[in-house]
Protein backbone atom coordinates (compact mmCIF):
# COMPACT_ATOMS: atom_id res chain seq x y z
CA MET A 1 0.00 0.00 0.00
CA GLN A 2 1.28 3.43 -0.89
CA LEU A 3 1.54 5.53 2.25
CA GLU A 4 2.37 8.92 0.81
CA GLU A 5 2.06 10.56 -2.58
CA VAL A 6 4.87 12.58 -4.09
CA THR A 7 4.19 16.27 -3.43
CA ALA A 8 7.38 17.69 -4.98
CA ASP A 9 10.16 16.66 -7.28
CA ILE A 10 12.63 15.05 -4.91
CA THR A 11 15.28 14.59 -7.59
CA THR A 12 16.15 18.30 -7.65
CA LEU A 13 19.29 19.64 -5.97
CA SER A 14 17.27 22.01 -3.78
CA TYR A 15 15.65 19.02 -2.09
CA TRP A 16 19.00 17.51 -1.11
CA LEU A 17 21.29 20.49 -0.58
CA ASN A 18 19.96 21.88 2.68
CA TRP A 19 20.57 21.73 6.42
CA ARG A 20 17.90 19.08 7.06
CA VAL A 21 19.55 16.50 4.80
CA LEU A 22 22.93 17.30 6.33
CA LEU A 23 21.68 16.68 9.87
CA CYS A 24 19.87 13.49 8.84
CA ALA A 25 23.01 12.25 7.11
CA VAL A 26 24.95 12.82 10.34
CA TRP A 27 22.37 10.86 12.37
CA VAL A 28 22.54 7.96 9.90
CA LEU A 29 26.26 7.84 9.16
CA MET A 30 27.57 8.44 12.68
CA PRO A 31 26.08 5.22 14.16
CA MET A 32 27.30 3.32 11.10
CA VAL A 33 30.85 4.59 11.59
CA ILE A 34 30.77 3.66 15.30
CA ALA A 35 29.33 0.23 14.47
CA SER A 36 32.03 -0.35 11.84
CA PHE A 37 34.73 0.59 14.35
CA MET A 38 33.32 -1.82 16.95
CA ILE A 39 33.22 -4.63 14.42
CA TRP A 40 36.78 -3.91 13.30
CA LYS A 41 38.05 -3.72 16.87
CA TYR A 42 36.33 -6.66 18.52
CA GLU A 43 36.21 -9.05 15.57
CA SER A 44 39.96 -8.59 15.03
CA LEU A 45 40.61 -9.19 18.73
CA ASP A 46 38.38 -12.25 18.75
CA HIS A 47 40.11 -13.82 15.73
CA LEU A 48 43.53 -13.00 17.15
CA LYS A 49 42.78 -14.82 20.38
CA SER A 50 41.35 -17.84 18.57
CA ASP A 51 44.32 -18.03 16.21
CA ARG A 52 46.92 -17.85 18.99
CA GLY A 53 45.02 -20.16 21.33
CA GLU A 54 46.12 -18.08 24.30
CA THR A 55 44.31 -20.06 27.01
CA GLN A 56 43.64 -23.68 27.73
CA GLN A 57 39.97 -22.84 28.01
CA ASP A 58 39.90 -21.77 24.36
CA ILE A 59 41.45 -25.09 23.35
CA LYS A 60 38.92 -27.10 25.31
CA GLN A 61 35.94 -25.23 23.93
CA ILE A 62 33.65 -26.73 21.33
CA PRO A 63 34.88 -25.89 17.82
CA HIS A 64 33.38 -22.66 16.56
CA TYR A 65 31.45 -24.22 13.68
CA CYS A 66 29.91 -26.90 15.93
CA LYS A 67 27.94 -24.34 17.92
CA ALA A 68 25.77 -23.55 14.91
CA TRP A 69 24.28 -27.04 14.78
CA ARG A 70 24.55 -28.30 18.37
CA PRO A 71 21.38 -28.03 20.49
CA CYS A 72 21.68 -26.25 23.83
CA LEU A 73 21.19 -29.56 25.69
CA LYS A 74 23.52 -32.51 25.08
CA GLU A 75 20.61 -34.91 25.53
CA VAL A 76 18.82 -33.44 22.49
CA HIS A 77 19.73 -34.99 19.15
CA PRO A 78 20.78 -32.44 16.47
CA ILE A 79 18.15 -33.83 14.14
CA TRP A 80 15.45 -32.08 16.17
CA LEU A 81 17.12 -28.73 15.56
CA LEU A 82 17.41 -29.66 11.88
CA ALA A 83 13.70 -30.50 11.72
CA PHE A 84 12.80 -27.17 13.33
CA ARG A 85 15.01 -25.16 10.99
CA LEU A 86 13.82 -26.93 7.86
CA SER A 87 10.19 -26.41 8.88
CA ALA A 88 10.86 -22.74 9.64
CA PHE A 89 12.66 -22.23 6.32
CA CYS A 90 9.84 -23.79 4.31
CA LEU A 91 7.22 -21.80 6.21
CA LEU A 92 9.04 -18.48 5.79
CA LEU A 93 9.86 -19.11 2.14
CA GLY A 94 6.27 -20.08 1.40
CA THR A 95 4.97 -16.94 3.12
CA LEU A 96 7.41 -14.76 1.20
CA ILE A 97 6.48 -16.35 -2.15
CA VAL A 98 2.77 -15.85 -1.46
CA LYS A 99 3.42 -12.21 -0.51
CA VAL A 100 5.34 -11.61 -3.75
CA VAL A 101 2.61 -13.28 -5.84
CA VAL A 102 -0.13 -11.23 -4.18
CA ASN A 103 1.59 -7.82 -3.94
CA GLY A 104 4.43 -8.08 -6.44
CA ALA A 105 8.11 -7.29 -6.08
CA VAL A 106 7.25 -3.84 -4.70
CA ILE A 107 7.15 -5.37 -1.22
CA PHE A 108 10.96 -5.33 -1.17
CA TYR A 109 10.69 -1.55 -1.11
CA TYR A 110 9.84 -1.96 2.58
CA TYR A 111 12.12 -2.70 5.50
CA THR A 112 9.84 -5.42 6.83
CA GLN A 113 10.41 -7.57 3.76
CA TRP A 114 14.15 -6.94 3.90
CA THR A 115 14.20 -8.38 7.40
CA PHE A 116 11.79 -11.21 6.55
CA SER A 117 13.98 -12.20 3.59
CA LEU A 118 17.09 -12.09 5.79
CA LEU A 119 15.39 -14.35 8.32
CA THR A 120 14.50 -16.80 5.54
CA ILE A 121 18.14 -16.90 4.43
CA TYR A 122 19.15 -17.37 8.08
CA PHE A 123 17.05 -20.51 8.45
CA GLY A 124 18.27 -21.77 5.06
CA CYS A 125 21.90 -21.48 6.21
CA GLY A 126 20.96 -22.99 9.56
CA SER A 127 19.40 -25.98 7.81
CA LEU A 128 22.61 -26.58 5.82
CA LEU A 129 24.71 -26.39 8.99
CA SER A 130 22.35 -28.73 10.82
CA ILE A 131 22.53 -31.27 7.98
CA TYR A 132 26.32 -31.16 8.23
CA GLY A 133 26.07 -31.38 12.00
CA CYS A 134 23.85 -34.45 11.90
CA TYR A 135 26.38 -36.12 9.63
CA GLN A 136 29.22 -35.29 12.03
CA TYR A 137 27.13 -36.48 14.97
CA HIS A 138 26.50 -39.76 13.18
CA LEU A 139 30.24 -40.26 12.58
CA LEU A 140 31.08 -39.51 16.21
CA SER A 141 28.37 -41.86 17.44
CA ASN A 142 29.66 -44.68 15.23
CA ARG A 143 33.23 -44.08 16.41
CA ASP A 144 32.20 -44.18 20.06
CA LEU A 145 30.17 -47.33 19.39
CA ASN A 146 33.15 -49.04 17.74
CA VAL A 147 35.41 -48.11 20.65
CA HIS A 148 32.84 -49.52 23.05
CA HIS A 149 32.64 -52.81 21.11
CA VAL A 150 36.43 -53.12 20.96
CA GLY A 151 36.67 -52.62 24.72
CA THR A 152 33.95 -55.22 25.30
CA ASP A 153 35.70 -57.74 23.04
CA GLU A 154 38.99 -57.22 24.87
CA GLU A 155 37.34 -57.87 28.21
CA GLN A 156 35.74 -61.06 26.87
CA GLY A 157 39.01 -62.24 25.27
CA SER A 158 37.58 -62.38 21.75
CA TYR A 159 39.39 -59.32 20.37
CA VAL A 160 41.40 -60.06 17.22
CA PRO A 161 43.75 -57.20 16.33
CA LEU A 162 44.36 -56.13 12.75
CA THR A 163 47.53 -57.29 11.13
CA PHE A 164 50.34 -54.82 10.48
CA GLY A 165 49.53 -54.68 6.76
CA GLU A 166 45.83 -54.01 7.33
CA THR A 167 46.58 -51.26 9.84
CA THR A 168 49.07 -49.64 7.48
CA ASN A 169 46.62 -49.68 4.56
CA ILE A 170 43.84 -48.13 6.64
CA SER A 171 46.13 -45.40 7.97
CA LYS A 172 47.35 -44.63 4.43
CA ASP A 173 43.80 -44.39 3.14
CA ARG A 174 42.92 -41.98 5.93
CA ARG A 175 45.98 -39.87 5.24
CA VAL A 176 45.03 -39.63 1.59
CA SER A 177 41.36 -38.79 2.11
CA ASP A 178 41.47 -36.69 5.28
CA PRO A 179 43.80 -33.68 5.11
CA GLN A 180 42.76 -31.54 2.15
CA GLU A 181 39.12 -32.58 1.99
CA LYS A 182 38.54 -32.17 5.71
CA ASN A 183 40.32 -28.84 5.82
CA CYS A 184 38.16 -27.49 3.00
CA VAL A 185 34.99 -28.76 4.65
CA PHE A 186 35.98 -27.34 8.05
CA GLN A 187 36.86 -23.96 6.53
CA ALA A 188 33.56 -23.81 4.65
CA ALA A 189 31.65 -24.81 7.78
CA GLY A 190 33.52 -22.21 9.83
CA ILE A 191 32.78 -19.40 7.36
CA LEU A 192 29.11 -20.36 7.06
CA SER A 193 28.87 -20.61 10.85
CA TYR A 194 30.30 -17.10 11.24
CA VAL A 195 27.86 -15.69 8.66
CA PHE A 196 25.08 -17.56 10.45
CA GLU A 197 25.97 -15.93 13.79
CA VAL A 198 26.10 -12.48 12.20
CA MET A 199 22.68 -12.98 10.62
CA PHE A 200 21.33 -14.09 13.99
CA GLN A 201 22.42 -10.81 15.57
CA MET A 202 21.01 -8.79 12.68
CA ASN A 203 17.69 -10.61 12.85
CA ALA A 204 17.56 -10.40 16.64
CA GLY A 205 17.66 -6.62 16.45
CA ALA A 206 15.48 -6.12 13.39
CA VAL A 207 12.77 -8.70 14.14
CA MET A 208 12.32 -8.08 17.84
CA LEU A 209 12.30 -4.29 17.66
CA THR A 210 10.19 -3.92 14.53
CA ASP A 211 7.55 -6.38 15.73
CA SER A 212 7.32 -4.84 19.19
CA VAL A 213 7.00 -1.32 17.74
CA TYR A 214 4.39 -2.45 15.23
CA TRP A 215 2.13 -4.14 17.80
CA CYS A 216 2.73 -1.79 20.75
CA ILE A 217 2.81 1.60 19.00
CA ILE A 218 1.76 1.56 15.36
CA PHE A 219 -1.14 -0.91 15.45
CA PRO A 220 -3.02 0.58 18.44
CA PHE A 221 -2.49 4.27 17.70
CA LEU A 222 -1.74 4.80 14.01
CA THR A 223 -4.67 5.03 11.61
CA ILE A 224 -3.94 4.91 7.88
CA LYS A 225 -6.41 5.44 5.09
CA ASP A 226 -7.42 2.17 3.42
CA TYR A 227 -5.20 0.25 5.84
CA ASP A 228 -6.29 -3.37 5.85
CA LEU A 229 -5.08 -5.66 8.62
CA ASN A 230 -5.12 -9.13 7.06
CA VAL A 231 -3.80 -12.55 7.94
CA MET A 232 -0.65 -12.04 5.90
CA THR A 233 0.19 -8.84 7.78
CA VAL A 234 -0.27 -10.54 11.14
CA ASN A 235 1.81 -13.46 9.89
CA MET A 236 4.65 -11.15 8.80
CA HIS A 237 4.84 -9.50 12.23
CA THR A 238 4.34 -12.59 14.41
CA LEU A 239 5.74 -15.67 12.71
CA ASN A 240 9.23 -14.23 12.34
CA ALA A 241 9.59 -13.47 16.07
CA VAL A 242 8.19 -16.84 17.16
CA LEU A 243 10.54 -18.80 14.89
CA LEU A 244 13.60 -16.77 15.82
CA LEU A 245 12.89 -17.14 19.54
CA GLY A 246 12.39 -20.87 19.02
CA ASP A 247 15.76 -21.22 17.29
CA ALA A 248 17.44 -19.11 19.97
CA ALA A 249 16.02 -21.41 22.65
CA LEU A 250 17.25 -24.55 20.88
CA ASN A 251 20.73 -23.60 19.65
CA CYS A 252 23.94 -22.94 21.59
CA LEU A 253 25.24 -19.98 19.60
CA ARG A 254 27.45 -17.47 21.34
CA VAL A 255 26.11 -13.97 20.81
CA PRO A 256 28.67 -11.28 21.72
CA PHE A 257 26.89 -7.99 22.27
CA PHE A 258 29.12 -5.99 19.92
CA ARG A 259 27.69 -7.86 16.92
CA ILE A 260 24.48 -5.89 17.29
CA SER A 261 26.54 -3.41 15.27
CA PHE A 262 25.68 -5.47 12.20
CA PHE A 263 22.02 -4.62 12.83
CA VAL A 264 22.91 -0.91 12.93
CA LEU A 265 24.69 -1.28 9.58
CA TRP A 266 21.75 -3.23 8.16
CA THR A 267 19.30 -0.45 9.06
CA GLY A 268 21.68 2.26 7.86
CA VAL A 269 22.14 0.54 4.50
CA TYR A 270 18.36 0.44 4.04
CA VAL A 271 18.11 4.21 4.61
CA ILE A 272 20.99 4.96 2.24
CA VAL A 273 19.44 2.75 -0.46
CA GLN A 274 16.20 4.71 -0.07
CA TRP A 275 18.10 7.98 -0.47
CA ILE A 276 19.82 6.74 -3.63
CA ILE A 277 16.51 5.59 -5.14
CA HIS A 278 14.79 8.89 -4.39
CA ALA A 279 17.73 10.93 -5.67
CA CYS A 280 17.37 9.19 -9.03
CA VAL A 281 13.60 8.68 -9.28
CA SER A 282 10.74 10.88 -8.06
CA ILE A 283 8.78 8.30 -6.11
CA TRP A 284 6.82 8.16 -2.87
CA TRP A 285 8.57 7.37 0.40
CA PRO A 286 7.79 3.97 1.94
CA TYR A 287 7.54 5.59 5.40
CA PRO A 288 6.46 9.22 5.96
CA PHE A 289 9.18 9.91 8.54
CA LEU A 290 11.88 9.21 5.93
CA ASP A 291 10.77 12.22 3.90
CA LEU A 292 13.55 14.80 4.11
CA SER A 293 11.34 17.74 3.09
CA SER A 294 9.72 17.98 6.51
CA PRO A 295 11.30 20.52 8.88
CA TYR A 296 10.97 17.85 11.58
CA ALA A 297 12.91 15.27 9.53
CA PRO A 298 16.12 15.57 11.63
CA LEU A 299 14.05 15.02 14.78
CA TRP A 300 12.41 11.92 13.29
CA TYR A 301 15.78 10.51 12.28
CA VAL A 302 17.46 11.11 15.64
CA ILE A 303 14.49 9.58 17.50
CA SER A 304 14.54 6.54 15.22
CA TYR A 305 18.27 5.96 15.69
CA ALA A 306 18.19 6.73 19.38
CA SER A 307 15.69 3.91 19.78
CA GLY A 308 18.00 1.71 17.70
CA HIS A 309 15.70 0.99 14.80
CA LEU A 310 13.34 2.34 12.16
CA ILE A 311 9.64 2.39 12.87
CA ILE A 312 8.18 -0.12 10.46
CA VAL A 313 4.79 0.02 8.79
CA GLU A 314 3.61 -2.98 6.82
CA PRO A 315 2.60 -2.20 3.22
């Protein structure tokens, strides 16, 4: 739904070269610069510590990529987390496809759909990591079972050791197949796990804040002409939070606070993209408070960023 008609040509220089745009640019870019500095500082420190292995505690910790697919409780099989993530991915993807079919690609003009799409990608990556994790869990279970059987056979006196030639052949086969292939797989899993954690932090900020603002502020108090609250709208602002909270309760991801900076960058990028679009094309703003022609625009922007998010209205 179009919220605001174009009242002036926003592609002219007079619209952009004024004090209001300058102040709004400061409010948008300053948090992004601070967020980028925090990411550069703490991510570099985190990788430096992990590379050096400075403490014994770091060595004993679960490998970084394992945390993306391990449930929070050891008693829970990883397949349950996989089932949840696959179901969530299919549900989110189906909802997004239906929304595109009904409303068209214009929905991606709105921040809500940006976040919803990011959450869909998040559960897609999580499903891939969980599939890999279930495979690793199966290998570890078989290895532990074989060790248990060998120990039992030794106690019963029926253990027959491999001959020297058989042992040598097995060890050679493992040397040939393990090093390069396993290193590539581990590196890929580590990179995907890191991206997965970053997306979790971005979604945690975007989903929780936008949904709470929508239901607590916008829905009760804001009245919009021809605004139709339908099942799809409710689904967009409820399903995402429920699924993300469910995954957060099941997984054992570490969530350092500084990575909320990625959410700040995510929101800032959305605003900058909107500015670029409107500088090139005279088109309506998706949200009235983004309009830079209002004398209160700097106030709207500073309030939005002080609260840590953009106020989101569903199209």
